């Protein structure tokens, strides 16, 4: 996950964590208060998703849901004034 925020250390922060761990995502949003979040944690390979359905589901479904839910709870602003 890449979090852009108005932090004193730079324009962005790369966070290497398990996005399926909801507490990690919540702590990250609390700590960094990001303006933009980019998820690089998807499992894109079809063969891998068939052979490793649990890992695929944890990353692509549960992890992405955790990011979306944290965006909603922490009211991350998108497109000026629309909150997702």
C-alpha atoms as a PDB file:
ATOM      1  CA  UNK A   1       0.000   0.000   0.000  1.00  0.00           C
ATOM      2  CA  UNK A   2       1.258   3.459  -0.852  1.00  0.00           C
ATOM      3  CA  UNK A   3      -0.125   6.300   1.263  1.00  0.00           C
ATOM      4  CA  UNK A   4       0.125   9.948   0.245  1.00  0.00           C
ATOM      5  CA  UNK A   5      -0.285  12.332   3.118  1.00  0.00           C
ATOM      6  CA  UNK A   6       0.801  15.692   4.378  1.00  0.00           C
ATOM      7  CA  UNK A   7       3.553  14.242   6.529  1.00  0.00           C
ATOM      8  CA  UNK A   8       6.827  16.013   7.378  1.00  0.00           C
ATOM      9  CA  UNK A   9       8.938  13.153   5.986  1.00  0.00           C
ATOM     10  CA  UNK A  10       8.001  13.423   2.319  1.00  0.00           C
ATOM     11  CA  UNK A  11       5.204  13.128  -0.165  1.00  0.00           C
ATOM     12  CA  UNK A  12       4.500   9.412   0.210  1.00  0.00           C
ATOM     13  CA  UNK A  13       5.086   6.440   2.457  1.00  0.00           C
ATOM     14  CA  UNK A  14       5.428   2.830   1.282  1.00  0.00           C
ATOM     15  CA  UNK A  15       3.922   0.412   3.803  1.00  0.00           C
ATOM     16  CA  UNK A  16       4.660  -3.287   3.439  1.00  0.00           C
ATOM     17  CA  UNK A  17       2.049  -5.077   5.523  1.00  0.00           C
ATOM     18  CA  UNK A  18      -0.679  -7.688   5.122  1.00  0.00           C
ATOM     19  CA  UNK A  19      -3.730  -5.752   3.924  1.00  0.00           C
ATOM     20  CA  UNK A  20      -5.952  -8.636   5.041  1.00  0.00           C
ATOM     21  CA  UNK A  21      -5.055  -7.654   8.628  1.00  0.00           C
ATOM     22  CA  UNK A  22      -7.738  -5.074   9.382  1.00  0.00           C
ATOM     23  CA  UNK A  23      -5.954  -3.755  12.483  1.00  0.00           C
ATOM     24  CA  UNK A  24      -2.821  -2.952  10.420  1.00  0.00           C
ATOM     25  CA  UNK A  25      -4.888  -1.022   7.885  1.00  0.00           C
ATOM     26  CA  UNK A  26      -6.751   0.856  10.622  1.00  0.00           C
ATOM     27  CA  UNK A  27      -3.490   1.733  12.414  1.00  0.00           C
ATOM     28  CA  UNK A  28      -1.980   2.902   9.128  1.00  0.00           C
ATOM     29  CA  UNK A  29      -4.904   5.220   8.399  1.00  0.00           C
ATOM     30  CA  UNK A  30      -4.779   6.561  11.964  1.00  0.00           C
ATOM     31  CA  UNK A  31      -1.022   7.164  11.833  1.00  0.00           C
ATOM     32  CA  UNK A  32      -0.660   8.635   8.333  1.00  0.00           C
ATOM     33  CA  UNK A  33      -4.091  10.152   7.624  1.00  0.00           C
ATOM     34  CA  UNK A  34      -3.533   9.625   3.885  1.00  0.00           C
ATOM     35  CA  UNK A  35      -5.039  11.777   1.157  1.00  0.00           C
ATOM     36  CA  UNK A  36      -4.550   9.058  -1.471  1.00  0.00           C
ATOM     37  CA  UNK A  37      -4.104   5.289  -1.136  1.00  0.00           C
ATOM     38  CA  UNK A  38      -2.792   2.990  -3.874  1.00  0.00           C
ATOM     39  CA  UNK A  39      -3.082  -0.777  -3.445  1.00  0.00           C
ATOM     40  CA  UNK A  40      -0.204  -2.731  -5.030  1.00  0.00           C
ATOM     41  CA  UNK A  41      -1.026  -5.937  -3.152  1.00  0.00           C
ATOM     42  CA  UNK A  42      -3.284  -7.687  -5.644  1.00  0.00           C
ATOM     43  CA  UNK A  43      -2.746 -11.239  -6.837  1.00  0.00           C
ATOM     44  CA  UNK A  44      -3.173 -10.889 -10.594  1.00  0.00           C
ATOM     45  CA  UNK A  45      -1.994 -14.232 -11.991  1.00  0.00           C
ATOM     46  CA  UNK A  46      -4.916 -16.506 -12.919  1.00  0.00           C
ATOM     47  CA  UNK A  47      -3.046 -19.791 -12.362  1.00  0.00           C
ATOM     48  CA  UNK A  48      -1.952 -18.630  -8.890  1.00  0.00           C
ATOM     49  CA  UNK A  49      -5.525 -17.674  -7.996  1.00  0.00           C
ATOM     50  CA  UNK A  50      -6.757 -21.142  -8.966  1.00  0.00           C
ATOM     51  CA  UNK A  51      -4.003 -22.996  -7.110  1.00  0.00           C
ATOM     52  CA  UNK A  52      -4.014 -20.682  -4.050  1.00  0.00           C
ATOM     53  CA  UNK A  53      -7.601 -19.580  -3.655  1.00  0.00           C
ATOM     54  CA  UNK A  54      -7.241 -18.708   0.046  1.00  0.00           C
ATOM     55  CA  UNK A  55      -4.270 -16.376  -0.524  1.00  0.00           C
ATOM     56  CA  UNK A  56      -5.998 -14.793  -3.518  1.00  0.00           C
ATOM     57  CA  UNK A  57      -9.196 -14.203  -1.527  1.00  0.00           C
ATOM     58  CA  UNK A  58      -7.327 -12.764   1.463  1.00  0.00           C
ATOM     59  CA  UNK A  59      -5.409 -10.277  -0.678  1.00  0.00           C
ATOM     60  CA  UNK A  60      -7.844  -9.346  -3.422  1.00  0.00           C
ATOM     61  CA  UNK A  61     -11.151  -9.528  -1.569  1.00  0.00           C
ATOM     62  CA  UNK A  62     -10.587  -9.160   2.189  1.00  0.00           C
ATOM     63  CA  UNK A  63      -7.575  -6.844   1.853  1.00  0.00           C
ATOM     64  CA  UNK A  64      -9.203  -4.566  -0.680  1.00  0.00           C
ATOM     65  CA  UNK A  65     -12.384  -4.443   1.436  1.00  0.00           C
ATOM     66  CA  UNK A  66     -10.281  -3.401   4.474  1.00  0.00           C
ATOM     67  CA  UNK A  67      -8.768  -0.533   2.478  1.00  0.00           C
ATOM     68  CA  UNK A  68     -12.165   0.617   1.199  1.00  0.00           C
ATOM     69  CA  UNK A  69     -13.716   0.408   4.658  1.00  0.00           C
ATOM     70  CA  UNK A  70     -10.874   2.400   6.226  1.00  0.00           C
ATOM     71  CA  UNK A  71     -11.233   5.031   3.494  1.00  0.00           C
ATOM     72  CA  UNK A  72     -14.905   5.319   4.427  1.00  0.00           C
ATOM     73  CA  UNK A  73     -14.320   5.387   8.199  1.00  0.00           C
ATOM     74  CA  UNK A  74     -11.493   7.922   8.013  1.00  0.00           C
ATOM     75  CA  UNK A  75     -13.340   9.980   5.391  1.00  0.00           C
ATOM     76  CA  UNK A  76     -10.587  10.072   2.795  1.00  0.00           C
ATOM     77  CA  UNK A  77     -11.613  12.741   0.300  1.00  0.00           C
ATOM     78  CA  UNK A  78     -11.802  11.821  -3.374  1.00  0.00           C
ATOM     79  CA  UNK A  79     -12.334  14.227  -6.292  1.00  0.00           C
ATOM     80  CA  UNK A  80     -12.356  17.361  -4.173  1.00  0.00           C
ATOM     81  CA  UNK A  81     -15.369  16.841  -1.940  1.00  0.00           C
ATOM     82  CA  UNK A  82     -16.815  13.382  -2.575  1.00  0.00           C
ATOM     83  CA  UNK A  83     -16.172  10.806   0.146  1.00  0.00           C
ATOM     84  CA  UNK A  84     -16.112   7.128  -0.741  1.00  0.00           C
END
